């Protein structure tokens, strides 16, 4: 996810790092032909999107996907404990 140069930048993110990390970031930025700021912004934009996607996406095997879809296609059958809980809920909770 690249951020265009024309985009307005209003928010700030301050961070402290040790000299070894700073040196590596500066070298990596230089190797990429970017300023340190551009390198950091590009890197955190990409890795944060990857992290969010990894935590919000679930990949299923073909067998698991078939089992999931099969379960969705079957009618719901509540056991007696669930039926009792639903009945108690209906007796005790009123909608406003």
PDB file of N, CA and C in Angstrom:
ATOM      1  N   UNK A   1       0.857  -1.177   0.000  1.00  0.00           N
ATOM      2  CA  UNK A   1       0.000   0.000   0.000  1.00  0.00           C
ATOM      3  C   UNK A   1       0.896   1.231   0.000  1.00  0.00           C
ATOM      4  N   UNK A   2       1.004   1.843  -1.131  1.00  0.00           N
ATOM      5  CA  UNK A   2       1.828   3.040  -1.262  1.00  0.00           C
ATOM      6  C   UNK A   2       0.953   4.264  -1.031  1.00  0.00           C
ATOM      7  N   UNK A   3       1.538   5.262  -0.403  1.00  0.00           N
ATOM      8  CA  UNK A   3       0.836   6.508  -0.152  1.00  0.00           C
ATOM      9  C   UNK A   3       1.350   7.525  -1.154  1.00  0.00           C
ATOM     10  N   UNK A   4       0.441   8.196  -1.858  1.00  0.00           N
ATOM     11  CA  UNK A   4       0.861   9.130  -2.897  1.00  0.00           C
ATOM     12  C   UNK A   4       1.495  10.370  -2.289  1.00  0.00           C
ATOM     13  N   UNK A   5       2.376  10.990  -3.071  1.00  0.00           N
ATOM     14  CA  UNK A   5       3.075  12.186  -2.605  1.00  0.00           C
ATOM     15  C   UNK A   5       2.109  13.348  -2.422  1.00  0.00           C
ATOM     16  N   UNK A   6       0.995  13.325  -3.140  1.00  0.00           N
ATOM     17  CA  UNK A   6       0.037  14.426  -3.071  1.00  0.00           C
ATOM     18  C   UNK A   6      -0.859  14.349  -1.836  1.00  0.00           C
ATOM     19  N   UNK A   7      -0.855  13.213  -1.166  1.00  0.00           N
ATOM     20  CA  UNK A   7      -1.704  13.047   0.010  1.00  0.00           C
ATOM     21  C   UNK A   7      -1.266  13.965   1.139  1.00  0.00           C
ATOM     22  N   UNK A   8      -2.241  14.601   1.783  1.00  0.00           N
ATOM     23  CA  UNK A   8      -1.936  15.480   2.903  1.00  0.00           C
ATOM     24  C   UNK A   8      -1.573  14.652   4.115  1.00  0.00           C
ATOM     25  N   UNK A   9      -0.499  15.054   4.763  1.00  0.00           N
ATOM     26  CA  UNK A   9      -0.046  14.343   5.959  1.00  0.00           C
ATOM     27  C   UNK A   9      -0.278  15.237   7.158  1.00  0.00           C
ATOM     28  N   UNK A  10      -1.165  14.822   8.046  1.00  0.00           N
ATOM     29  CA  UNK A  10      -1.483  15.640   9.213  1.00  0.00           C
ATOM     30  C   UNK A  10      -1.128  14.934  10.523  1.00  0.00           C
ATOM     31  N   UNK A  11      -1.166  13.629  10.520  1.00  0.00           N
ATOM     32  CA  UNK A  11      -0.921  12.878  11.748  1.00  0.00           C
ATOM     33  C   UNK A  11       0.560  12.566  11.906  1.00  0.00           C
ATOM     34  N   UNK A  12       0.968  12.432  13.157  1.00  0.00           N
ATOM     35  CA  UNK A  12       2.366  12.134  13.459  1.00  0.00           C
ATOM     36  C   UNK A  12       2.443  10.854  14.281  1.00  0.00           C
ATOM     37  N   UNK A  13       3.562  10.194  14.146  1.00  0.00           N
ATOM     38  CA  UNK A  13       3.858   9.021  14.940  1.00  0.00           C
ATOM     39  C   UNK A  13       5.313   9.162  15.371  1.00  0.00           C
ATOM     40  N   UNK A  14       5.520   9.301  16.657  1.00  0.00           N
ATOM     41  CA  UNK A  14       6.876   9.461  17.186  1.00  0.00           C
ATOM     42  C   UNK A  14       7.349   8.145  17.759  1.00  0.00           C
ATOM     43  N   UNK A  15       8.620   7.817  17.512  1.00  0.00           N
ATOM     44  CA  UNK A  15       9.164   6.609  18.077  1.00  0.00           C
ATOM     45  C   UNK A  15      10.632   6.792  18.420  1.00  0.00           C
ATOM     46  N   UNK A  16      11.055   6.027  19.380  1.00  0.00           N
ATOM     47  CA  UNK A  16      12.459   6.021  19.788  1.00  0.00           C
ATOM     48  C   UNK A  16      13.012   4.641  19.465  1.00  0.00           C
ATOM     49  N   UNK A  17      14.251   4.620  19.005  1.00  0.00           N
ATOM     50  CA  UNK A  17      14.883   3.355  18.709  1.00  0.00           C
ATOM     51  C   UNK A  17      16.367   3.425  19.007  1.00  0.00           C
ATOM     52  N   UNK A  18      16.955   2.261  19.188  1.00  0.00           N
ATOM     53  CA  UNK A  18      18.387   2.270  19.500  1.00  0.00           C
ATOM     54  C   UNK A  18      19.192   2.527  18.229  1.00  0.00           C
ATOM     55  N   UNK A  19      20.468   2.833  18.398  1.00  0.00           N
ATOM     56  CA  UNK A  19      21.288   3.255  17.268  1.00  0.00           C
ATOM     57  C   UNK A  19      21.464   2.152  16.230  1.00  0.00           C
ATOM     58  N   UNK A  20      21.487   0.878  16.648  1.00  0.00           N
ATOM     59  CA  UNK A  20      21.621  -0.219  15.682  1.00  0.00           C
ATOM     60  C   UNK A  20      20.413  -0.276  14.751  1.00  0.00           C
ATOM     61  N   UNK A  21      19.230  -0.155  15.323  1.00  0.00           N
ATOM     62  CA  UNK A  21      18.014  -0.186  14.512  1.00  0.00           C
ATOM     63  C   UNK A  21      17.983   1.032  13.588  1.00  0.00           C
ATOM     64  N   UNK A  22      18.330   2.188  14.113  1.00  0.00           N
ATOM     65  CA  UNK A  22      18.337   3.413  13.297  1.00  0.00           C
ATOM     66  C   UNK A  22      19.300   3.266  12.117  1.00  0.00           C
ATOM     67  N   UNK A  23      20.468   2.714  12.373  1.00  0.00           N
ATOM     68  CA  UNK A  23      21.455   2.513  11.304  1.00  0.00           C
ATOM     69  C   UNK A  23      20.919   1.562  10.240  1.00  0.00           C
ATOM     70  N   UNK A  24      20.273   0.461  10.659  1.00  0.00           N
ATOM     71  CA  UNK A  24      19.704  -0.494   9.697  1.00  0.00           C
ATOM     72  C   UNK A  24      18.587   0.145   8.885  1.00  0.00           C
ATOM     73  N   UNK A  25      17.731   0.936   9.531  1.00  0.00           N
ATOM     74  CA  UNK A  25      16.637   1.603   8.819  1.00  0.00           C
ATOM     75  C   UNK A  25      17.215   2.586   7.790  1.00  0.00           C
ATOM     76  N   UNK A  26      18.208   3.347   8.185  1.00  0.00           N
ATOM     77  CA  UNK A  26      18.824   4.300   7.257  1.00  0.00           C
ATOM     78  C   UNK A  26      19.462   3.575   6.070  1.00  0.00           C
ATOM     79  N   UNK A  27      20.131   2.467   6.332  1.00  0.00           N
ATOM     80  CA  UNK A  27      20.746   1.697   5.245  1.00  0.00           C
ATOM     81  C   UNK A  27      19.680   1.118   4.318  1.00  0.00           C
ATOM     82  N   UNK A  28      18.632   0.538   4.907  1.00  0.00           N
ATOM     83  CA  UNK A  28      17.558  -0.044   4.094  1.00  0.00           C
ATOM     84  C   UNK A  28      16.878   1.023   3.244  1.00  0.00           C
ATOM     85  N   UNK A  29      16.643   2.188   3.829  1.00  0.00           N
ATOM     86  CA  UNK A  29      16.027   3.290   3.076  1.00  0.00           C
ATOM     87  C   UNK A  29      16.928   3.700   1.920  1.00  0.00           C
ATOM     88  N   UNK A  30      18.202   3.810   2.194  1.00  0.00           N
ATOM     89  CA  UNK A  30      19.154   4.185   1.154  1.00  0.00           C
ATOM     90  C   UNK A  30      19.173   3.150   0.029  1.00  0.00           C
ATOM     91  N   UNK A  31      19.198   1.878   0.384  1.00  0.00           N
ATOM     92  CA  UNK A  31      19.198   0.818  -0.623  1.00  0.00           C
ATOM     93  C   UNK A  31      17.937   0.842  -1.485  1.00  0.00           C
ATOM     94  N   UNK A  32      16.831   1.271  -0.905  1.00  0.00           N
ATOM     95  CA  UNK A  32      15.564   1.375  -1.638  1.00  0.00           C
ATOM     96  C   UNK A  32      15.437   2.706  -2.383  1.00  0.00           C
ATOM     97  N   UNK A  33      16.395   3.603  -2.155  1.00  0.00           N
ATOM     98  CA  UNK A  33      16.339   4.915  -2.811  1.00  0.00           C
ATOM     99  C   UNK A  33      15.247   5.799  -2.236  1.00  0.00           C
ATOM    100  N   UNK A  34      14.986   5.659  -0.951  1.00  0.00           N
ATOM    101  CA  UNK A  34      13.915   6.412  -0.291  1.00  0.00           C
ATOM    102  C   UNK A  34      14.486   7.208   0.866  1.00  0.00           C
ATOM    103  N   UNK A  35      13.743   8.227   1.268  1.00  0.00           N
ATOM    104  CA  UNK A  35      14.090   8.902   2.514  1.00  0.00           C
ATOM    105  C   UNK A  35      13.734   7.955   3.653  1.00  0.00           C
ATOM    106  N   UNK A  36      14.303   8.215   4.814  1.00  0.00           N
ATOM    107  CA  UNK A  36      13.989   7.381   5.978  1.00  0.00           C
ATOM    108  C   UNK A  36      12.497   7.455   6.281  1.00  0.00           C
ATOM    109  N   UNK A  37      11.940   8.660   6.228  1.00  0.00           N
ATOM    110  CA  UNK A  37      10.504   8.810   6.508  1.00  0.00           C
ATOM    111  C   UNK A  37       9.662   8.024   5.514  1.00  0.00           C
ATOM    112  N   UNK A  38       9.966   8.139   4.216  1.00  0.00           N
ATOM    113  CA  UNK A  38       9.186   7.427   3.193  1.00  0.00           C
ATOM    114  C   UNK A  38       9.329   5.926   3.386  1.00  0.00           C
ATOM    115  N   UNK A  39      10.545   5.472   3.682  1.00  0.00           N
ATOM    116  CA  UNK A  39      10.779   4.049   3.899  1.00  0.00           C
ATOM    117  C   UNK A  39       9.953   3.535   5.081  1.00  0.00           C
ATOM    118  N   UNK A  40       9.965   4.274   6.182  1.00  0.00           N
ATOM    119  CA  UNK A  40       9.216   3.859   7.367  1.00  0.00           C
ATOM    120  C   UNK A  40       7.718   3.847   7.078  1.00  0.00           C
ATOM    121  N   UNK A  41       7.211   4.901   6.438  1.00  0.00           N
ATOM    122  CA  UNK A  41       5.779   4.969   6.133  1.00  0.00           C
ATOM    123  C   UNK A  41       5.368   3.816   5.219  1.00  0.00           C
ATOM    124  N   UNK A  42       6.141   3.581   4.149  1.00  0.00           N
ATOM    125  CA  UNK A  42       5.814   2.486   3.232  1.00  0.00           C
ATOM    126  C   UNK A  42       5.849   1.136   3.944  1.00  0.00           C
ATOM    127  N   UNK A  43       6.863   0.945   4.779  1.00  0.00           N
ATOM    128  CA  UNK A  43       7.017  -0.343   5.465  1.00  0.00           C
ATOM    129  C   UNK A  43       5.909  -0.584   6.477  1.00  0.00           C
ATOM    130  N   UNK A  44       5.593   0.418   7.293  1.00  0.00           N
ATOM    131  CA  UNK A  44       4.546   0.179   8.295  1.00  0.00           C
ATOM    132  C   UNK A  44       3.166   0.111   7.651  1.00  0.00           C
ATOM    133  N   UNK A  45       2.959   0.829   6.551  1.00  0.00           N
ATOM    134  CA  UNK A  45       1.665   0.724   5.860  1.00  0.00           C
ATOM    135  C   UNK A  45       1.473  -0.693   5.320  1.00  0.00           C
ATOM    136  N   UNK A  46       2.529  -1.232   4.698  1.00  0.00           N
ATOM    137  CA  UNK A  46       2.444  -2.584   4.135  1.00  0.00           C
ATOM    138  C   UNK A  46       2.313  -3.644   5.222  1.00  0.00           C
ATOM    139  N   UNK A  47       3.177  -3.589   6.231  1.00  0.00           N
ATOM    140  CA  UNK A  47       3.161  -4.651   7.238  1.00  0.00           C
ATOM    141  C   UNK A  47       1.929  -4.565   8.141  1.00  0.00           C
ATOM    142  N   UNK A  48       1.430  -3.360   8.393  1.00  0.00           N
ATOM    143  CA  UNK A  48       0.213  -3.271   9.212  1.00  0.00           C
ATOM    144  C   UNK A  48      -0.976  -3.835   8.446  1.00  0.00           C
ATOM    145  N   UNK A  49      -1.042  -3.590   7.135  1.00  0.00           N
ATOM    146  CA  UNK A  49      -2.125  -4.170   6.328  1.00  0.00           C
ATOM    147  C   UNK A  49      -2.030  -5.697   6.316  1.00  0.00           C
ATOM    148  N   UNK A  50      -0.800  -6.220   6.203  1.00  0.00           N
ATOM    149  CA  UNK A  50      -0.607  -7.677   6.230  1.00  0.00           C
ATOM    150  C   UNK A  50      -1.016  -8.264   7.578  1.00  0.00           C
ATOM    151  N   UNK A  51      -0.645  -7.588   8.659  1.00  0.00           N
ATOM    152  CA  UNK A  51      -0.986  -8.071   9.998  1.00  0.00           C
ATOM    153  C   UNK A  51      -2.489  -8.090  10.199  1.00  0.00           C
ATOM    154  N   UNK A  52      -3.161  -7.021   9.807  1.00  0.00           N
ATOM    155  CA  UNK A  52      -4.616  -6.953   9.948  1.00  0.00           C
ATOM    156  C   UNK A  52      -5.270  -8.050   9.126  1.00  0.00           C
ATOM    157  N   UNK A  53      -4.825  -8.215   7.895  1.00  0.00           N
ATOM    158  CA  UNK A  53      -5.387  -9.251   7.030  1.00  0.00           C
ATOM    159  C   UNK A  53      -5.187 -10.642   7.623  1.00  0.00           C
ATOM    160  N   UNK A  54      -3.994 -10.897   8.167  1.00  0.00           N
ATOM    161  CA  UNK A  54      -3.704 -12.197   8.758  1.00  0.00           C
ATOM    162  C   UNK A  54      -4.641 -12.508   9.924  1.00  0.00           C
ATOM    163  N   UNK A  55      -4.991 -11.487  10.696  1.00  0.00           N
ATOM    164  CA  UNK A  55      -5.841 -11.701  11.863  1.00  0.00           C
ATOM    165  C   UNK A  55      -7.331 -11.667  11.532  1.00  0.00           C
ATOM    166  N   UNK A  56      -7.691 -11.090  10.395  1.00  0.00           N
ATOM    167  CA  UNK A  56      -9.106 -10.980  10.038  1.00  0.00           C
ATOM    168  C   UNK A  56      -9.538 -11.975   8.969  1.00  0.00           C
ATOM    169  N   UNK A  57      -8.606 -12.753   8.460  1.00  0.00           N
ATOM    170  CA  UNK A  57      -8.900 -13.684   7.378  1.00  0.00           C
ATOM    171  C   UNK A  57      -8.654 -15.108   7.851  1.00  0.00           C
ATOM    172  N   UNK A  58      -9.542 -15.990   7.474  1.00  0.00           N
ATOM    173  CA  UNK A  58      -9.383 -17.399   7.827  1.00  0.00           C
ATOM    174  C   UNK A  58      -9.357 -18.207   6.536  1.00  0.00           C
ATOM    175  N   UNK A  59      -8.315 -18.977   6.372  1.00  0.00           N
ATOM    176  CA  UNK A  59      -8.210 -19.848   5.200  1.00  0.00           C
ATOM    177  C   UNK A  59      -8.570 -21.263   5.615  1.00  0.00           C
ATOM    178  N   UNK A  60      -9.447 -21.866   4.850  1.00  0.00           N
ATOM    179  CA  UNK A  60      -9.879 -23.232   5.151  1.00  0.00           C
ATOM    180  C   UNK A  60      -9.370 -24.177   4.079  1.00  0.00           C
ATOM    181  N   UNK A  61      -9.056 -25.380   4.489  1.00  0.00           N
ATOM    182  CA  UNK A  61      -8.735 -26.419   3.510  1.00  0.00           C
ATOM    183  C   UNK A  61     -10.033 -26.756   2.765  1.00  0.00           C
ATOM    184  N   UNK A  62      -9.912 -27.455   1.672  1.00  0.00           N
ATOM    185  CA  UNK A  62     -11.096 -27.853   0.899  1.00  0.00           C
ATOM    186  C   UNK A  62     -12.032 -28.679   1.779  1.00  0.00           C
ATOM    187  N   UNK A  63     -11.475 -29.604   2.566  1.00  0.00           N
ATOM    188  CA  UNK A  63     -12.290 -30.446   3.443  1.00  0.00           C
ATOM    189  C   UNK A  63     -13.007 -29.598   4.493  1.00  0.00           C
ATOM    190  N   UNK A  64     -12.279 -28.671   5.119  1.00  0.00           N
ATOM    191  CA  UNK A  64     -12.891 -27.808   6.132  1.00  0.00           C
ATOM    192  C   UNK A  64     -13.967 -26.908   5.517  1.00  0.00           C
ATOM    193  N   UNK A  65     -13.703 -26.375   4.331  1.00  0.00           N
ATOM    194  CA  UNK A  65     -14.684 -25.521   3.650  1.00  0.00           C
ATOM    195  C   UNK A  65     -15.943 -26.313   3.325  1.00  0.00           C
ATOM    196  N   UNK A  66     -15.765 -27.525   2.832  1.00  0.00           N
ATOM    197  CA  UNK A  66     -16.925 -28.372   2.532  1.00  0.00           C
ATOM    198  C   UNK A  66     -17.713 -28.701   3.793  1.00  0.00           C
ATOM    199  N   UNK A  67     -17.014 -28.998   4.888  1.00  0.00           N
ATOM    200  CA  UNK A  67     -17.685 -29.300   6.156  1.00  0.00           C
ATOM    201  C   UNK A  67     -18.444 -28.084   6.674  1.00  0.00           C
ATOM    202  N   UNK A  68     -17.830 -26.907   6.554  1.00  0.00           N
ATOM    203  CA  UNK A  68     -18.468 -25.666   7.001  1.00  0.00           C
ATOM    204  C   UNK A  68     -19.734 -25.396   6.197  1.00  0.00           C
ATOM    205  N   UNK A  69     -19.638 -25.491   4.884  1.00  0.00           N
ATOM    206  CA  UNK A  69     -20.810 -25.253   4.035  1.00  0.00           C
ATOM    207  C   UNK A  69     -21.894 -26.303   4.273  1.00  0.00           C
ATOM    208  N   UNK A  70     -21.492 -27.534   4.527  1.00  0.00           N
ATOM    209  CA  UNK A  70     -22.463 -28.593   4.834  1.00  0.00           C
ATOM    210  C   UNK A  70     -23.208 -28.275   6.124  1.00  0.00           C
ATOM    211  N   UNK A  71     -22.465 -27.813   7.132  1.00  0.00           N
ATOM    212  CA  UNK A  71     -23.100 -27.465   8.412  1.00  0.00           C
ATOM    213  C   UNK A  71     -24.068 -26.301   8.243  1.00  0.00           C
ATOM    214  N   UNK A  72     -23.715 -25.332   7.408  1.00  0.00           N
ATOM    215  CA  UNK A  72     -24.604 -24.186   7.181  1.00  0.00           C
ATOM    216  C   UNK A  72     -25.889 -24.584   6.462  1.00  0.00           C
ATOM    217  N   UNK A  73     -25.808 -25.619   5.636  1.00  0.00           N
ATOM    218  CA  UNK A  73     -26.982 -26.013   4.847  1.00  0.00           C
ATOM    219  C   UNK A  73     -27.973 -26.871   5.626  1.00  0.00           C
ATOM    220  N   UNK A  74     -27.572 -27.344   6.813  1.00  0.00           N
ATOM    221  CA  UNK A  74     -28.458 -28.182   7.613  1.00  0.00           C
ATOM    222  C   UNK A  74     -29.305 -27.309   8.537  1.00  0.00           C
ATOM    223  N   UNK A  75     -30.531 -27.749   8.831  1.00  0.00           N
ATOM    224  CA  UNK A  75     -31.351 -26.985   9.766  1.00  0.00           C
ATOM    225  C   UNK A  75     -30.752 -26.999  11.174  1.00  0.00           C
ATOM    226  N   UNK A  76     -30.985 -25.920  11.880  1.00  0.00           N
ATOM    227  CA  UNK A  76     -30.475 -25.804  13.243  1.00  0.00           C
ATOM    228  C   UNK A  76     -31.332 -26.646  14.171  1.00  0.00           C
ATOM    229  N   UNK A  77     -30.682 -27.449  15.013  1.00  0.00           N
ATOM    230  CA  UNK A  77     -31.381 -28.256  16.007  1.00  0.00           C
ATOM    231  C   UNK A  77     -30.806 -27.881  17.372  1.00  0.00           C
ATOM    232  N   UNK A  78     -31.671 -27.318  18.231  1.00  0.00           N
ATOM    233  CA  UNK A  78     -31.237 -26.919  19.565  1.00  0.00           C
ATOM    234  C   UNK A  78     -31.401 -28.080  20.531  1.00  0.00           C
ATOM    235  N   UNK A  79     -30.399 -28.276  21.366  1.00  0.00           N
ATOM    236  CA  UNK A  79     -30.545 -29.289  22.409  1.00  0.00           C
ATOM    237  C   UNK A  79     -31.435 -28.708  23.516  1.00  0.00           C
ATOM    238  N   UNK A  80     -31.777 -29.537  24.506  1.00  0.00           N
ATOM    239  CA  UNK A  80     -32.725 -29.108  25.534  1.00  0.00           C
ATOM    240  C   UNK A  80     -32.181 -27.945  26.366  1.00  0.00           C
ATOM    241  N   UNK A  81     -30.873 -27.900  26.616  1.00  0.00           N
ATOM    242  CA  UNK A  81     -30.298 -26.810  27.411  1.00  0.00           C
ATOM    243  C   UNK A  81     -30.469 -25.475  26.685  1.00  0.00           C
ATOM    244  N   UNK A  82     -30.260 -25.482  25.394  1.00  0.00           N
ATOM    245  CA  UNK A  82     -30.427 -24.243  24.605  1.00  0.00           C
ATOM    246  C   UNK A  82     -31.902 -23.860  24.564  1.00  0.00           C
ATOM    247  N   UNK A  83     -32.766 -24.830  24.382  1.00  0.00           N
ATOM    248  CA  UNK A  83     -34.202 -24.537  24.354  1.00  0.00           C
ATOM    249  C   UNK A  83     -34.650 -23.939  25.682  1.00  0.00           C
ATOM    250  N   UNK A  84     -34.173 -24.498  26.796  1.00  0.00           N
ATOM    251  CA  UNK A  84     -34.517 -23.965  28.115  1.00  0.00           C
ATOM    252  C   UNK A  84     -33.995 -22.538  28.279  1.00  0.00           C
ATOM    253  N   UNK A  85     -32.769 -22.301  27.835  1.00  0.00           N
ATOM    254  CA  UNK A  85     -32.172 -20.967  27.951  1.00  0.00           C
ATOM    255  C   UNK A  85     -32.952 -19.954  27.116  1.00  0.00           C
ATOM    256  N   UNK A  86     -33.361 -20.340  25.933  1.00  0.00           N
ATOM    257  CA  UNK A  86     -34.155 -19.443  25.081  1.00  0.00           C
ATOM    258  C   UNK A  86     -35.509 -19.142  25.716  1.00  0.00           C
ATOM    259  N   UNK A  87     -36.115 -20.149  26.311  1.00  0.00           N
ATOM    260  CA  UNK A  87     -37.405 -19.937  26.960  1.00  0.00           C
ATOM    261  C   UNK A  87     -37.255 -19.003  28.154  1.00  0.00           C
ATOM    262  N   UNK A  88     -36.228 -19.222  28.976  1.00  0.00           N
ATOM    263  CA  UNK A  88     -35.991 -18.347  30.128  1.00  0.00           C
ATOM    264  C   UNK A  88     -35.699 -16.919  29.668  1.00  0.00           C
ATOM    265  N   UNK A  89     -34.943 -16.809  28.612  1.00  0.00           N
ATOM    266  CA  UNK A  89     -34.641 -15.470  28.079  1.00  0.00           C
ATOM    267  C   UNK A  89     -35.931 -14.765  27.677  1.00  0.00           C
ATOM    268  N   UNK A  90     -36.807 -15.497  26.991  1.00  0.00           N
ATOM    269  CA  UNK A  90     -38.074 -14.919  26.561  1.00  0.00           C
ATOM    270  C   UNK A  90     -38.953 -14.517  27.720  1.00  0.00           C
ATOM    271  N   UNK A  91     -38.863 -15.226  28.822  1.00  0.00           N
ATOM    272  CA  UNK A  91     -39.670 -14.913  29.990  1.00  0.00           C
ATOM    273  C   UNK A  91     -39.093 -13.765  30.807  1.00  0.00           C
ATOM    274  N   UNK A  92     -37.782 -13.587  30.798  1.00  0.00           N
ATOM    275  CA  UNK A  92     -37.150 -12.618  31.677  1.00  0.00           C
ATOM    276  C   UNK A  92     -36.728 -11.322  30.985  1.00  0.00           C
ATOM    277  N   UNK A  93     -36.546 -11.345  29.692  1.00  0.00           N
ATOM    278  CA  UNK A  93     -36.027 -10.164  28.990  1.00  0.00           C
ATOM    279  C   UNK A  93     -37.122  -9.566  28.116  1.00  0.00           C
ATOM    280  N   UNK A  94     -37.267  -8.277  28.225  1.00  0.00           N
ATOM    281  CA  UNK A  94     -38.237  -7.577  27.374  1.00  0.00           C
ATOM    282  C   UNK A  94     -37.499  -6.581  26.511  1.00  0.00           C
ATOM    283  N   UNK A  95     -37.983  -6.408  25.303  1.00  0.00           N
ATOM    284  CA  UNK A  95     -37.364  -5.437  24.393  1.00  0.00           C
ATOM    285  C   UNK A  95     -37.945  -4.056  24.666  1.00  0.00           C
ATOM    286  N   UNK A  96     -37.131  -3.061  24.498  1.00  0.00           N
ATOM    287  CA  UNK A  96     -37.595  -1.676  24.701  1.00  0.00           C
ATOM    288  C   UNK A  96     -37.814  -0.989  23.399  1.00  0.00           C
TER     289      UNK A  96
END
